[in-house]
Amino acid sequence: MEGFDIRELSVFEDERGWLTEIFRNDITDFRPVMSYLSMTKSGQIRGPHEHTEQTDYFCFLGKFRLYLWDNREKSLTYQQHKVIDTSGLPTVAVVPAGIVHAYKNVSDEGGMVINMPDRLYKGEGKKEPVDEVRYEDDPASPFRIIE
């Protein structure tokens, strides 16, 4: 999908454990302005939703299935739908504004997700409307997760 990027991260291990670089400004032009960490229980889904302005920079720690729909009328990949499974290795996915997205934890245990979006949640001082269009509770939505 136009503007979407996904890649497994390099993991550096030693006797103490492991380390991975989640973000490097010499690899991407993307610039986050905040970050948050969430845990998604096994079998649970977050989304689908989209942002009108915000780009998400997700780091998935665990096995997840990503669901993507390009809802940008001027995009070369408009109306494309993709389903992508992460391998379980730390994986980064950049989801531009206008791409409807959801993810499901497909492992047997909780999975962690770090997001570093390029917009503040509810704006400066949390005084603005949320930049989000939610579809998960709309039975007429064309953005349905069918398994």
Protein backbone atom coordinates (compact mmCIF):
# COMPACT_ATOMS: atom_id res chain seq x y z
CA MET A 1 0.00 0.00 0.00
CA GLU A 2 1.23 3.44 -0.87
CA GLY A 3 3.09 4.94 2.11
CA PHE A 4 2.75 1.82 4.28
CA ASP A 5 6.00 0.31 5.51
CA ILE A 6 6.65 -2.81 7.55
CA ARG A 7 9.93 -4.38 8.57
CA GLU A 8 11.32 -6.77 11.14
CA LEU A 9 13.85 -5.19 13.47
CA SER A 10 17.35 -6.49 14.11
CA VAL A 11 17.65 -8.07 17.55
CA PHE A 12 20.99 -8.01 19.34
CA GLU A 13 21.30 -10.76 21.96
CA ASP A 14 23.80 -11.57 24.66
CA GLU A 15 23.80 -13.41 28.00
CA ARG A 16 21.71 -10.62 29.60
CA GLY A 17 18.86 -10.71 27.08
CA TRP A 18 18.26 -8.71 23.91
CA LEU A 19 17.99 -5.18 22.51
CA THR A 20 16.40 -3.78 19.37
CA GLU A 21 16.39 -0.26 17.93
CA ILE A 22 12.76 0.73 17.47
CA PHE A 23 13.31 4.11 15.84
CA ARG A 24 16.25 5.69 14.00
CA ASN A 25 15.93 9.01 12.19
CA ASP A 26 18.56 7.89 9.68
CA ILE A 27 16.19 5.15 8.42
CA THR A 28 12.93 7.10 8.11
CA ASP A 29 11.72 10.66 7.59
CA PHE A 30 8.86 9.99 10.02
CA ARG A 31 8.95 12.08 13.24
CA PRO A 32 6.96 10.94 16.29
CA VAL A 33 5.67 13.44 18.86
CA MET A 34 4.53 11.05 21.60
CA SER A 35 4.58 7.36 22.47
CA TYR A 36 2.49 4.86 24.37
CA LEU A 37 2.65 1.19 25.26
CA SER A 38 -0.29 -1.22 25.26
CA MET A 39 -0.80 -4.91 25.95
CA THR A 40 -3.32 -6.86 23.88
CA LYS A 41 -4.57 -10.16 25.27
CA SER A 42 -4.45 -13.35 23.20
CA GLY A 43 -7.17 -13.43 20.52
CA GLN A 44 -8.20 -9.80 21.04
CA ILE A 45 -8.59 -7.24 18.23
CA ARG A 46 -8.03 -3.47 18.33
CA GLY A 47 -9.77 -1.51 15.55
CA PRO A 48 -10.57 -1.10 12.76
CA HIS A 49 -10.22 2.65 12.71
CA GLU A 50 -8.40 5.33 10.75
CA HIS A 51 -6.93 8.75 11.36
CA THR A 52 -7.59 11.80 9.18
CA GLU A 53 -4.17 13.38 9.85
CA GLN A 54 -2.16 11.10 12.14
CA THR A 55 0.41 8.55 11.01
CA ASP A 56 1.00 5.66 13.42
CA TYR A 57 4.43 4.13 13.96
CA PHE A 58 3.72 0.77 15.60
CA CYS A 59 6.26 -1.60 17.11
CA PHE A 60 4.76 -5.06 17.61
CA LEU A 61 6.29 -7.34 20.25
CA GLY A 62 4.59 -10.70 19.78
CA LYS A 63 2.65 -12.38 17.01
CA PHE A 64 0.04 -10.10 15.48
CA ARG A 65 -2.18 -10.08 12.40
CA LEU A 66 -2.54 -6.65 10.78
CA TYR A 67 -5.61 -5.73 8.73
CA LEU A 68 -5.26 -2.76 6.35
CA TRP A 69 -7.67 -1.02 3.97
CA ASP A 70 -6.56 1.96 1.87
CA ASN A 71 -9.36 4.51 2.23
CA ARG A 72 -7.51 7.42 0.52
CA GLU A 73 -9.31 8.29 -2.72
CA LYS A 74 -6.19 9.90 -4.25
CA SER A 75 -3.89 6.99 -3.40
CA LEU A 76 -2.53 4.68 -6.08
CA THR A 77 -3.59 1.78 -3.85
CA TYR A 78 -7.10 3.09 -3.04
CA GLN A 79 -9.46 0.30 -1.89
CA GLN A 80 -6.66 -2.26 -1.55
CA HIS A 81 -7.02 -4.62 1.41
CA LYS A 82 -4.12 -6.48 3.01
CA VAL A 83 -3.71 -8.93 5.87
CA ILE A 84 -0.16 -9.32 7.19
CA ASP A 85 1.11 -11.59 9.97
CA THR A 86 4.17 -10.64 11.99
CA SER A 87 6.62 -13.43 12.75
CA GLY A 88 6.95 -12.79 16.45
CA LEU A 89 10.20 -10.89 16.00
CA PRO A 90 9.98 -7.19 16.90
CA THR A 91 8.33 -5.56 13.88
CA VAL A 92 7.73 -1.92 12.96
CA ALA A 93 4.77 -0.83 10.81
CA VAL A 94 4.18 2.75 9.62
CA VAL A 95 0.47 3.35 8.89
CA PRO A 96 -0.27 6.69 7.17
CA ALA A 97 -3.43 8.72 7.75
CA GLY A 98 -6.35 7.38 5.70
CA ILE A 99 -5.37 3.72 5.92
CA VAL A 100 -7.96 1.92 8.02
CA HIS A 101 -6.15 -0.46 10.32
CA ALA A 102 -6.72 -3.09 12.96
CA TYR A 103 -4.60 -5.72 14.62
CA LYS A 104 -5.20 -8.98 16.42
CA ASN A 105 -2.94 -10.80 18.84
CA VAL A 106 -2.63 -14.27 17.30
CA SER A 107 -0.33 -15.74 19.95
CA ASP A 108 -1.27 -17.73 23.05
CA GLU A 109 -0.09 -14.97 25.38
CA GLY A 110 -0.35 -11.20 25.73
CA GLY A 111 1.49 -9.12 23.15
CA MET A 112 2.92 -5.64 23.53
CA VAL A 113 2.53 -2.76 21.10
CA ILE A 114 4.42 0.51 21.25
CA ASN A 115 3.00 3.35 19.16
CA MET A 116 4.85 6.56 18.39
CA PRO A 117 2.40 8.66 16.33
CA ASP A 118 3.16 12.02 14.74
CA ARG A 119 0.18 13.74 16.41
CA LEU A 120 -0.62 14.27 20.08
CA TYR A 121 -3.67 12.37 21.32
CA LYS A 122 -6.45 15.00 21.56
CA GLY A 123 -3.93 17.73 20.65
CA GLU A 124 -1.93 20.05 22.85
CA GLY A 125 -3.21 19.80 26.44
CA LYS A 126 -5.79 17.20 25.30
CA LYS A 127 -8.15 20.02 24.26
CA GLU A 128 -8.96 18.95 20.67
CA PRO A 129 -11.20 16.27 19.19
CA VAL A 130 -9.65 12.84 18.76
CA ASP A 131 -8.28 12.33 15.22
CA GLU A 132 -10.00 9.01 14.72
CA VAL A 133 -12.81 7.43 12.73
CA ARG A 134 -13.90 4.21 14.43
CA TYR A 135 -15.53 1.34 12.51
CA GLU A 136 -15.55 -1.61 14.92
CA ASP A 137 -19.10 -0.99 16.17
CA ASP A 138 -20.61 -0.19 12.75
CA PRO A 139 -22.25 -3.33 11.27
CA ALA A 140 -22.59 -1.55 7.89
CA SER A 141 -18.88 -0.71 7.69
CA PRO A 142 -17.01 -2.05 4.65
CA PHE A 143 -14.00 -2.50 6.95
CA ARG A 144 -14.85 -5.85 8.54
CA ILE A 145 -12.51 -8.46 9.92
CA ILE A 146 -13.55 -11.79 8.43
CA GLU A 147 -11.62 -14.86 9.49
